[in-house]
Amino acid sequence: HRDLHSFPTRRSSDLVGIDHEPIGSEVPREVVAHPSESGDALRLWVRKEAILKATGLGLQIDPTSFWIDEAGRPSPITGYDGPPLRVEDLDLDGFVAAIAQS
């Protein structure tokens, strides 16, 4: 992204992943949503991107292969055996944004 934003984290030892996309960006549901998920595809995309960035695996993992529960915890992710992660939405003017942390 051309715009620069800073995001504080709780501890320097946390695994952290952040993603943000401009409001109104189009994301096809079939590339992001697990069959059990509903909700806005763009919001799902930034949440899953943040989680996958925190794992260090990125888009090597198919975003449709896992889901995120109501508390922001992802289901098991193939290839990730690190600490539990949780994703939260961020309030960022003009963007849909999320941060995932261990």
C-alpha atoms as a PDB file:
ATOM      1  CA  HIS A   1       0.000   0.000   0.000  1.00  0.00           C
ATOM      2  CA  ARG A   2       1.170   3.507  -0.698  1.00  0.00           C
ATOM      3  CA  ASP A   3      -0.246   4.933   2.524  1.00  0.00           C
ATOM      4  CA  LEU A   4       1.843   4.373   5.626  1.00  0.00           C
ATOM      5  CA  HIS A   5       0.272   3.556   8.968  1.00  0.00           C
ATOM      6  CA  SER A   6       1.811   2.561  12.284  1.00  0.00           C
ATOM      7  CA  PHE A   7       0.223  -0.032  14.547  1.00  0.00           C
ATOM      8  CA  PRO A   8       1.304  -0.587  18.157  1.00  0.00           C
ATOM      9  CA  THR A   9       1.594  -4.120  19.522  1.00  0.00           C
ATOM     10  CA  ARG A  10       1.373  -5.330  23.099  1.00  0.00           C
ATOM     11  CA  ARG A  11       4.817  -6.936  23.401  1.00  0.00           C
ATOM     12  CA  SER A  12       7.776  -7.216  21.085  1.00  0.00           C
ATOM     13  CA  SER A  13       7.642 -11.022  21.455  1.00  0.00           C
ATOM     14  CA  ASP A  14       4.142 -11.273  19.946  1.00  0.00           C
ATOM     15  CA  LEU A  15       3.605 -12.784  16.543  1.00  0.00           C
ATOM     16  CA  VAL A  16       1.871  -9.992  14.664  1.00  0.00           C
ATOM     17  CA  GLY A  17       0.120  -9.726  11.332  1.00  0.00           C
ATOM     18  CA  ILE A  18      -1.725  -6.688  10.019  1.00  0.00           C
ATOM     19  CA  ASP A  19      -3.751  -6.159   6.883  1.00  0.00           C
ATOM     20  CA  HIS A  20      -5.815  -3.281   5.569  1.00  0.00           C
ATOM     21  CA  GLU A  21      -7.705  -2.671   2.357  1.00  0.00           C
ATOM     22  CA  PRO A  22      -9.576   0.410   1.167  1.00  0.00           C
ATOM     23  CA  ILE A  23     -13.278   0.393   2.008  1.00  0.00           C
ATOM     24  CA  GLY A  24     -15.189  -0.716  -1.074  1.00  0.00           C
ATOM     25  CA  SER A  25     -12.484  -3.078  -2.357  1.00  0.00           C
ATOM     26  CA  GLU A  26     -13.977  -6.121  -4.061  1.00  0.00           C
ATOM     27  CA  VAL A  27     -13.086  -9.587  -2.765  1.00  0.00           C
ATOM     28  CA  PRO A  28     -14.880 -12.625  -4.216  1.00  0.00           C
ATOM     29  CA  ARG A  29     -16.345 -14.757  -1.389  1.00  0.00           C
ATOM     30  CA  GLU A  30     -15.141 -17.957  -3.049  1.00  0.00           C
ATOM     31  CA  VAL A  31     -11.474 -16.972  -2.563  1.00  0.00           C
ATOM     32  CA  VAL A  32     -11.766 -16.165   1.136  1.00  0.00           C
ATOM     33  CA  ALA A  33     -14.766 -17.720   2.898  1.00  0.00           C
ATOM     34  CA  HIS A  34     -14.770 -21.175   4.448  1.00  0.00           C
ATOM     35  CA  PRO A  35     -18.148 -22.868   3.795  1.00  0.00           C
ATOM     36  CA  SER A  36     -19.136 -22.308   7.446  1.00  0.00           C
ATOM     37  CA  GLU A  37     -18.473 -18.555   7.341  1.00  0.00           C
ATOM     38  CA  SER A  38     -20.855 -15.730   6.608  1.00  0.00           C
ATOM     39  CA  GLY A  39     -20.340 -12.007   6.696  1.00  0.00           C
ATOM     40  CA  ASP A  40     -18.603  -9.407   4.605  1.00  0.00           C
ATOM     41  CA  ALA A  41     -15.988 -10.888   2.258  1.00  0.00           C
ATOM     42  CA  LEU A  42     -13.658  -7.877   2.540  1.00  0.00           C
ATOM     43  CA  ARG A  43     -13.666  -8.060   6.347  1.00  0.00           C
ATOM     44  CA  LEU A  44     -12.991 -11.814   6.169  1.00  0.00           C
ATOM     45  CA  TRP A  45     -10.117 -11.137   3.761  1.00  0.00           C
ATOM     46  CA  VAL A  46      -8.300  -8.636   6.007  1.00  0.00           C
ATOM     47  CA  ARG A  47      -8.815 -10.821   9.081  1.00  0.00           C
ATOM     48  CA  LYS A  48      -7.467 -13.916   7.335  1.00  0.00           C
ATOM     49  CA  GLU A  49      -4.567 -12.026   5.734  1.00  0.00           C
ATOM     50  CA  ALA A  50      -3.603 -10.675   9.169  1.00  0.00           C
ATOM     51  CA  ILE A  51      -3.704 -14.199  10.634  1.00  0.00           C
ATOM     52  CA  LEU A  52      -1.697 -15.707   7.792  1.00  0.00           C
ATOM     53  CA  LYS A  53       0.904 -12.928   8.039  1.00  0.00           C
ATOM     54  CA  ALA A  54       1.239 -13.602  11.787  1.00  0.00           C
ATOM     55  CA  THR A  55       1.843 -17.307  11.113  1.00  0.00           C
ATOM     56  CA  GLY A  56       4.605 -16.476   8.637  1.00  0.00           C
ATOM     57  CA  LEU A  57       2.904 -18.686   6.048  1.00  0.00           C
ATOM     58  CA  GLY A  58       1.076 -15.983   4.120  1.00  0.00           C
ATOM     59  CA  LEU A  59      -0.893 -16.992   1.079  1.00  0.00           C
ATOM     60  CA  GLN A  60       0.869 -20.340   0.877  1.00  0.00           C
ATOM     61  CA  ILE A  61      -2.263 -21.305   2.825  1.00  0.00           C
ATOM     62  CA  ASP A  62      -5.647 -21.201   1.116  1.00  0.00           C
ATOM     63  CA  PRO A  63      -7.794 -18.714   3.084  1.00  0.00           C
ATOM     64  CA  THR A  64     -10.843 -20.933   2.524  1.00  0.00           C
ATOM     65  CA  SER A  65      -9.151 -23.813   4.383  1.00  0.00           C
ATOM     66  CA  PHE A  66      -9.855 -22.358   7.844  1.00  0.00           C
ATOM     67  CA  TRP A  67     -12.504 -20.295   9.592  1.00  0.00           C
ATOM     68  CA  ILE A  68     -12.510 -17.646  12.304  1.00  0.00           C
ATOM     69  CA  ASP A  69     -14.851 -18.006  15.277  1.00  0.00           C
ATOM     70  CA  GLU A  70     -16.825 -15.156  16.867  1.00  0.00           C
ATOM     71  CA  ALA A  71     -14.041 -14.548  19.404  1.00  0.00           C
ATOM     72  CA  GLY A  72     -11.497 -13.990  16.597  1.00  0.00           C
ATOM     73  CA  ARG A  73      -9.737 -17.347  16.953  1.00  0.00           C
ATOM     74  CA  PRO A  74      -8.880 -19.265  13.782  1.00  0.00           C
ATOM     75  CA  SER A  75      -9.545 -22.969  13.367  1.00  0.00           C
ATOM     76  CA  PRO A  76      -6.374 -25.097  12.999  1.00  0.00           C
ATOM     77  CA  ILE A  77      -4.190 -23.923  10.110  1.00  0.00           C
ATOM     78  CA  THR A  78      -2.231 -26.535   8.170  1.00  0.00           C
ATOM     79  CA  GLY A  79       1.510 -26.022   8.681  1.00  0.00           C
ATOM     80  CA  TYR A  80       1.204 -23.706  11.693  1.00  0.00           C
ATOM     81  CA  ASP A  81       2.133 -25.043  15.109  1.00  0.00           C
ATOM     82  CA  GLY A  82       2.911 -21.808  16.931  1.00  0.00           C
ATOM     83  CA  PRO A  83       1.091 -20.092  19.789  1.00  0.00           C
ATOM     84  CA  PRO A  84      -2.651 -19.445  19.577  1.00  0.00           C
ATOM     85  CA  LEU A  85      -3.625 -16.395  17.552  1.00  0.00           C
ATOM     86  CA  ARG A  86      -6.512 -13.971  17.837  1.00  0.00           C
ATOM     87  CA  VAL A  87      -7.607 -11.363  15.315  1.00  0.00           C
ATOM     88  CA  GLU A  88      -9.272  -8.027  16.064  1.00  0.00           C
ATOM     89  CA  ASP A  89     -10.700  -5.377  13.781  1.00  0.00           C
ATOM     90  CA  LEU A  90      -8.932  -2.013  13.721  1.00  0.00           C
ATOM     91  CA  ASP A  91     -10.545   1.403  13.354  1.00  0.00           C
ATOM     92  CA  LEU A  92      -8.706   3.018  10.456  1.00  0.00           C
ATOM     93  CA  ASP A  93     -10.378   5.803   8.472  1.00  0.00           C
ATOM     94  CA  GLY A  94     -11.085   4.754   4.907  1.00  0.00           C
ATOM     95  CA  PHE A  95      -9.930   1.170   5.405  1.00  0.00           C
ATOM     96  CA  VAL A  96     -11.144  -2.199   6.610  1.00  0.00           C
ATOM     97  CA  ALA A  97      -8.302  -3.347   8.847  1.00  0.00           C
ATOM     98  CA  ALA A  98      -7.373  -6.111  11.265  1.00  0.00           C
ATOM     99  CA  ILE A  99      -4.495  -7.156  13.505  1.00  0.00           C
ATOM    100  CA  ALA A 100      -3.684 -10.726  14.532  1.00  0.00           C
ATOM    101  CA  GLN A 101      -1.484 -11.387  17.554  1.00  0.00           C
ATOM    102  CA  SER A 102      -0.345 -14.288  19.650  1.00  0.00           C
END
